[in-house]
Amino acid sequence: MIGFFYLILLGAIWGGSFLFMRIAVPSLGPSYLIEFRVLFAALTLSLIAFVTRRAIKTSGLTQHYIILGLFNSALPFLLFAYAAQYVSASVLSVLNSTAPFWGVIIAAIWLKHEITLRTIVGCICGLLGVAALVNLQTLPSFEALLPILAALGATCCYGIASNYTKIAPKVGTFDNAHGNLWASTVLVLPMLSFSPMPEMPTTNIFFAVLALGVVCTGIAYILYFKLIELLGAAQALTVTFLIPLFGILWGHVFLDEPIGPNTLIGALLVIMGVMLVTGVKVQQFLPWRRRMS
């Protein structure tokens, strides 16, 4: 039962990350927002490592952390932050769930993995879901479509990162999270000179960024590792399906974003597609049922 609680909590936290981005990006701009996000997250994990006296593996892993930091945090976070200036938190949270589609496509091209009929059907469902969401935004031109493409580019980065970890040096999950966040902090830093802060952030903006970095990134990583420990990697993956549900909910409650039929249809199609691609069954949302049987 505790595992199911962590699952819901993590879905709520990660769903809230798009809310905080929407709140903070108009004042900070994408570069400053993400620099603060990864810095606060890295400091959080460093503090946890210090308190728990956990040694972090760094020797000979600089290149590994830079590659992981680029594709797992720095680049996708920047792309999502850019998109958050124009696209609702609801739509962003659903687009975020397309990462598994990129994962299987990149695995087929890069690692020569076989693509099954189930995977093809899942990708088609996801594509239809994205099409429904784009229609919701009523985008009239290619320039207006760029934020959607940026969000999809971010999830493509996640697909690259997930496949890279399969051939990367074997490093613990905490070390990977900690190392990639510090690498991301360094990678995003030069972007600050090209993207000035639009305005001085208010106290509310500061707390939104703090929540995004500390809670939605740093603490969320710890919760995810704990979830894998409690439920296993396959069941922990079901958090992917909860993120858009909470993203839509938080966007509606706190930002008055509309929940139209296209939002719901798009979310349903993307979630169905992810379930087909990953092979996750509905029963995996109910981990206590198997323990009772």
Protein backbone atom coordinates (compact mmCIF):
# COMPACT_ATOMS: atom_id res chain seq x y z
CA MET A 1 0.00 0.00 0.00
CA ILE A 2 2.89 2.38 0.75
CA GLY A 3 4.16 1.81 -2.81
CA PHE A 4 0.83 2.90 -4.27
CA PHE A 5 0.93 6.04 -2.10
CA TYR A 6 4.41 6.88 -3.44
CA LEU A 7 3.12 6.30 -6.98
CA ILE A 8 0.27 8.79 -6.56
CA LEU A 9 2.51 11.30 -4.78
CA LEU A 10 5.17 11.18 -7.48
CA GLY A 11 2.57 11.57 -10.25
CA ALA A 12 1.17 14.62 -8.43
CA ILE A 13 4.64 16.15 -7.98
CA TRP A 14 5.81 15.62 -11.55
CA GLY A 15 2.45 16.77 -12.86
CA GLY A 16 2.96 19.96 -10.86
CA SER A 17 6.31 20.70 -12.50
CA PHE A 18 4.54 22.04 -15.60
CA LEU A 19 2.38 24.27 -13.43
CA PHE A 20 5.46 25.81 -11.79
CA MET A 21 7.16 26.28 -15.16
CA ARG A 22 4.11 28.11 -16.51
CA ILE A 23 4.09 30.36 -13.44
CA ALA A 24 7.80 31.21 -13.43
CA VAL A 25 8.92 31.31 -17.07
CA PRO A 26 7.34 34.71 -17.96
CA SER A 27 9.47 36.43 -15.31
CA LEU A 28 12.69 34.42 -15.55
CA GLY A 29 12.79 33.23 -19.14
CA PRO A 30 13.73 29.64 -20.07
CA SER A 31 17.48 29.82 -19.34
CA TYR A 32 17.34 31.36 -15.88
CA LEU A 33 14.38 29.18 -14.91
CA ILE A 34 16.19 25.96 -15.81
CA GLU A 35 19.52 27.08 -14.34
CA PHE A 36 17.80 27.66 -11.00
CA ARG A 37 15.86 24.41 -11.34
CA VAL A 38 18.87 22.15 -11.87
CA LEU A 39 20.99 24.08 -9.36
CA PHE A 40 18.40 23.77 -6.58
CA ALA A 41 17.88 20.10 -7.45
CA ALA A 42 21.63 19.37 -7.44
CA LEU A 43 22.05 21.13 -4.10
CA THR A 44 19.16 19.10 -2.68
CA LEU A 45 20.76 15.80 -3.68
CA SER A 46 24.15 16.98 -2.40
CA LEU A 47 22.57 17.81 0.95
CA ILE A 48 20.89 14.40 1.08
CA ALA A 49 24.20 12.71 0.22
CA PHE A 50 25.96 14.71 2.97
CA VAL A 51 23.32 13.93 5.62
CA THR A 52 23.23 10.22 4.74
CA ARG A 53 27.03 10.11 4.36
CA ARG A 54 26.66 8.70 0.89
CA ALA A 55 29.80 8.69 -1.24
CA ILE A 56 29.22 9.84 -4.83
CA LYS A 57 31.07 8.01 -7.59
CA THR A 58 32.80 10.57 -9.87
CA SER A 59 36.16 9.14 -10.94
CA GLY A 60 36.37 8.76 -14.73
CA LEU A 61 32.71 9.62 -15.18
CA THR A 62 32.86 13.28 -16.25
CA GLN A 63 32.02 12.57 -19.90
CA HIS A 64 29.23 10.19 -18.86
CA TYR A 65 27.58 12.76 -16.58
CA ILE A 66 27.88 15.47 -19.27
CA ILE A 67 26.16 13.29 -21.89
CA LEU A 68 23.47 12.24 -19.43
CA GLY A 69 23.06 15.78 -18.14
CA LEU A 70 22.66 17.16 -21.66
CA PHE A 71 19.97 14.72 -22.80
CA ASN A 72 18.27 13.87 -19.50
CA SER A 73 18.00 17.33 -17.94
CA ALA A 74 19.58 20.41 -19.55
CA LEU A 75 18.26 20.23 -23.11
CA PRO A 76 14.78 18.75 -22.39
CA PHE A 77 14.20 21.14 -19.49
CA LEU A 78 15.16 24.13 -21.67
CA LEU A 79 12.86 22.96 -24.47
CA PHE A 80 9.96 22.44 -22.08
CA ALA A 81 10.58 25.86 -20.52
CA TYR A 82 10.50 27.47 -23.97
CA ALA A 83 7.25 25.65 -24.78
CA ALA A 84 5.76 26.63 -21.41
CA GLN A 85 5.71 30.26 -22.58
CA TYR A 86 3.05 29.39 -25.15
CA VAL A 87 1.50 26.00 -24.30
CA SER A 88 -0.73 25.14 -21.33
CA ALA A 89 0.50 22.99 -18.44
CA SER A 90 -2.20 20.46 -19.33
CA VAL A 91 -0.92 19.94 -22.87
CA LEU A 92 2.73 19.93 -21.78
CA SER A 93 2.07 17.19 -19.21
CA VAL A 94 0.44 15.00 -21.87
CA LEU A 95 3.22 15.64 -24.40
CA ASN A 96 5.72 14.65 -21.70
CA SER A 97 4.22 11.17 -21.73
CA THR A 98 5.32 10.59 -25.33
CA ALA A 99 8.89 9.85 -24.17
CA PRO A 100 8.44 6.03 -24.35
CA PHE A 101 7.54 6.33 -28.05
CA TRP A 102 10.86 8.00 -28.76
CA GLY A 103 12.55 5.40 -26.58
CA VAL A 104 11.42 2.45 -28.71
CA ILE A 105 12.03 4.27 -32.02
CA ILE A 106 15.56 5.28 -31.03
CA ALA A 107 16.24 1.78 -29.67
CA ALA A 108 15.21 0.30 -33.02
CA ILE A 109 17.50 2.66 -34.96
CA TRP A 110 20.44 2.83 -32.55
CA LEU A 111 20.42 -0.51 -30.74
CA LYS A 112 18.68 -2.52 -33.50
CA HIS A 113 15.78 -3.54 -31.26
CA GLU A 114 12.81 -5.17 -32.95
CA ILE A 115 9.62 -3.13 -33.33
CA THR A 116 6.51 -5.27 -32.78
CA LEU A 117 3.00 -4.74 -34.12
CA ARG A 118 1.92 -3.76 -30.60
CA THR A 119 4.60 -1.05 -30.57
CA ILE A 120 3.49 0.28 -33.97
CA VAL A 121 -0.15 0.46 -32.84
CA GLY A 122 0.96 2.21 -29.65
CA CYS A 123 2.95 4.82 -31.57
CA ILE A 124 -0.02 5.46 -33.86
CA CYS A 125 -2.25 5.99 -30.80
CA GLY A 126 0.31 8.43 -29.41
CA LEU A 127 0.54 10.29 -32.72
CA LEU A 128 -3.24 10.65 -32.85
CA GLY A 129 -3.21 11.90 -29.26
CA VAL A 130 -0.64 14.57 -30.09
CA ALA A 131 -2.69 15.56 -33.16
CA ALA A 132 -5.74 16.04 -30.91
CA LEU A 133 -3.73 18.25 -28.55
CA VAL A 134 -2.35 20.36 -31.40
CA ASN A 135 -5.89 20.92 -32.62
CA LEU A 136 -6.79 22.11 -29.12
CA GLN A 137 -4.17 24.80 -29.39
CA THR A 138 -5.58 25.92 -32.81
CA LEU A 139 -2.11 26.63 -34.12
CA PRO A 140 -2.35 28.57 -37.43
CA SER A 141 1.29 28.52 -38.61
CA PHE A 142 4.62 26.74 -38.37
CA GLU A 143 5.91 29.42 -35.98
CA ALA A 144 2.97 28.77 -33.67
CA LEU A 145 3.67 25.04 -33.93
CA LEU A 146 7.27 25.47 -32.69
CA PRO A 147 6.40 25.19 -28.96
CA ILE A 148 4.72 21.81 -29.59
CA LEU A 149 7.75 20.67 -31.58
CA ALA A 150 10.02 21.88 -28.78
CA ALA A 151 8.08 19.81 -26.22
CA LEU A 152 8.29 16.76 -28.49
CA GLY A 153 12.01 17.46 -28.91
CA ALA A 154 12.32 17.38 -25.13
CA THR A 155 10.72 13.95 -24.93
CA CYS A 156 12.98 12.80 -27.78
CA CYS A 157 15.92 13.78 -25.56
CA TYR A 158 14.49 11.57 -22.82
CA GLY A 159 14.36 8.71 -25.34
CA ILE A 160 18.02 9.27 -26.20
CA ALA A 161 18.99 9.39 -22.52
CA SER A 162 17.11 6.19 -21.66
CA ASN A 163 18.83 4.30 -24.48
CA TYR A 164 22.22 5.79 -23.66
CA THR A 165 22.01 4.46 -20.10
CA LYS A 166 21.76 0.93 -21.52
CA ILE A 167 25.26 1.18 -22.97
CA ALA A 168 26.73 3.74 -20.55
CA PRO A 169 29.05 2.94 -17.63
CA LYS A 170 27.22 1.11 -14.85
CA VAL A 171 26.53 3.75 -12.23
CA GLY A 172 24.01 3.75 -9.41
CA THR A 173 20.73 5.61 -9.93
CA PHE A 174 21.46 8.16 -7.19
CA ASP A 175 24.92 8.83 -8.62
CA ASN A 176 23.44 9.27 -12.10
CA ALA A 177 20.81 11.69 -10.81
CA HIS A 178 23.33 13.66 -8.76
CA GLY A 179 26.02 13.76 -11.44
CA ASN A 180 23.69 14.62 -14.30
CA LEU A 181 22.13 17.51 -12.36
CA TRP A 182 25.50 19.11 -11.59
CA ALA A 183 26.54 18.59 -15.21
CA SER A 184 23.28 20.24 -16.31
CA THR A 185 23.98 23.19 -14.04
CA VAL A 186 27.30 23.75 -15.84
CA LEU A 187 25.81 23.15 -19.31
CA VAL A 188 22.94 25.63 -18.90
CA LEU A 189 25.12 28.36 -17.35
CA PRO A 190 26.46 29.79 -20.67
CA MET A 191 22.88 30.17 -21.93
CA LEU A 192 22.25 32.92 -19.38
CA SER A 193 24.29 35.40 -21.42
CA PHE A 194 22.08 34.78 -24.49
CA SER A 195 18.74 34.91 -22.69
CA PRO A 196 18.39 37.80 -20.21
CA MET A 197 15.89 37.67 -17.39
CA PRO A 198 12.73 39.53 -18.53
CA GLU A 199 11.97 40.95 -15.09
CA MET A 200 12.95 40.69 -11.45
CA PRO A 201 11.06 37.73 -9.94
CA THR A 202 8.61 38.26 -7.12
CA THR A 203 8.52 36.20 -3.93
CA ASN A 204 5.82 33.97 -5.41
CA ILE A 205 7.96 33.32 -8.49
CA PHE A 206 10.95 32.48 -6.30
CA PHE A 207 8.94 29.92 -4.34
CA ALA A 208 7.62 28.43 -7.59
CA VAL A 209 11.19 27.95 -8.83
CA LEU A 210 12.27 26.56 -5.45
CA ALA A 211 9.41 24.04 -5.56
CA LEU A 212 10.31 23.13 -9.15
CA GLY A 213 13.96 22.47 -8.28
CA VAL A 214 13.78 21.03 -4.77
CA VAL A 215 10.47 19.15 -4.84
CA CYS A 216 9.69 18.42 -8.50
CA THR A 217 13.28 17.52 -9.41
CA GLY A 218 15.49 16.74 -6.41
CA ILE A 219 13.01 15.07 -4.03
CA ALA A 220 11.11 13.54 -6.97
CA TYR A 221 14.26 11.65 -7.97
CA ILE A 222 14.51 10.19 -4.46
CA LEU A 223 10.84 9.18 -4.50
CA TYR A 224 11.29 7.52 -7.88
CA PHE A 225 14.27 5.49 -6.64
CA LYS A 226 12.23 4.44 -3.61
CA LEU A 227 9.34 3.49 -5.87
CA ILE A 228 11.60 1.25 -7.94
CA GLU A 229 12.83 -0.36 -4.72
CA LEU A 230 9.28 -1.01 -3.50
CA LEU A 231 7.49 -1.97 -6.73
CA GLY A 232 10.18 -2.73 -9.30
CA ALA A 233 11.14 -0.80 -12.44
CA ALA A 234 8.16 -1.96 -14.55
CA GLN A 235 5.53 -0.92 -12.03
CA ALA A 236 7.33 2.34 -11.25
CA LEU A 237 6.93 3.20 -14.94
CA THR A 238 3.17 3.51 -14.44
CA VAL A 239 3.80 6.96 -12.95
CA THR A 240 4.02 8.04 -16.62
CA PHE A 241 0.25 7.62 -16.87
CA LEU A 242 -0.48 9.70 -13.78
CA ILE A 243 1.58 12.76 -14.74
CA PRO A 244 -0.83 14.03 -17.46
CA LEU A 245 -3.83 13.43 -15.21
CA PHE A 246 -2.34 15.59 -12.47
CA GLY A 247 -0.95 18.08 -14.99
CA ILE A 248 -4.45 18.62 -16.39
CA LEU A 249 -5.90 18.86 -12.88
CA TRP A 250 -3.34 21.38 -11.53
CA GLY A 251 -3.56 23.48 -14.70
CA HIS A 252 -7.35 23.66 -14.39
CA VAL A 253 -7.41 24.35 -10.63
CA PHE A 254 -4.57 26.89 -10.36
CA LEU A 255 -4.35 28.45 -13.84
CA ASP A 256 -7.98 28.14 -14.97
CA GLU A 257 -6.89 26.15 -18.02
CA PRO A 258 -9.89 24.67 -19.86
CA ILE A 259 -10.40 20.91 -19.93
CA GLY A 260 -11.95 20.45 -23.35
CA PRO A 261 -12.78 17.23 -25.17
CA ASN A 262 -9.54 17.43 -27.16
CA THR A 263 -7.51 17.52 -23.94
CA LEU A 264 -9.21 14.40 -22.61
CA ILE A 265 -9.17 12.55 -25.95
CA GLY A 266 -5.52 13.43 -26.54
CA ALA A 267 -4.52 12.36 -23.04
CA LEU A 268 -6.43 9.08 -23.35
CA LEU A 269 -4.85 8.24 -26.72
CA VAL A 270 -1.33 9.05 -25.49
CA ILE A 271 -1.81 6.98 -22.32
CA MET A 272 -3.19 4.04 -24.35
CA GLY A 273 -0.24 4.30 -26.69
CA VAL A 274 2.29 4.34 -23.87
CA MET A 275 0.65 1.28 -22.30
CA LEU A 276 0.92 -0.60 -25.61
CA VAL A 277 4.52 0.47 -26.22
CA THR A 278 5.75 -0.33 -22.70
CA GLY A 279 3.64 -3.46 -22.20
CA VAL A 280 2.36 -2.17 -18.86
CA LYS A 281 -0.99 -3.61 -17.78
CA VAL A 282 -3.75 -1.81 -15.89
CA GLN A 283 -3.24 -4.18 -12.96
CA GLN A 284 0.17 -2.60 -12.35
CA PHE A 285 -1.62 0.43 -10.95
CA LEU A 286 -2.92 -1.83 -8.18
CA PRO A 287 0.20 -3.42 -6.67
CA TRP A 288 -1.58 -4.49 -3.49
CA ARG A 289 -3.94 -6.80 -5.40
CA ARG A 290 -1.13 -9.17 -6.37
CA ARG A 291 0.12 -9.31 -2.82
CA MET A 292 -3.37 -10.29 -1.64
CA SER A 293 -3.79 -13.02 -4.29
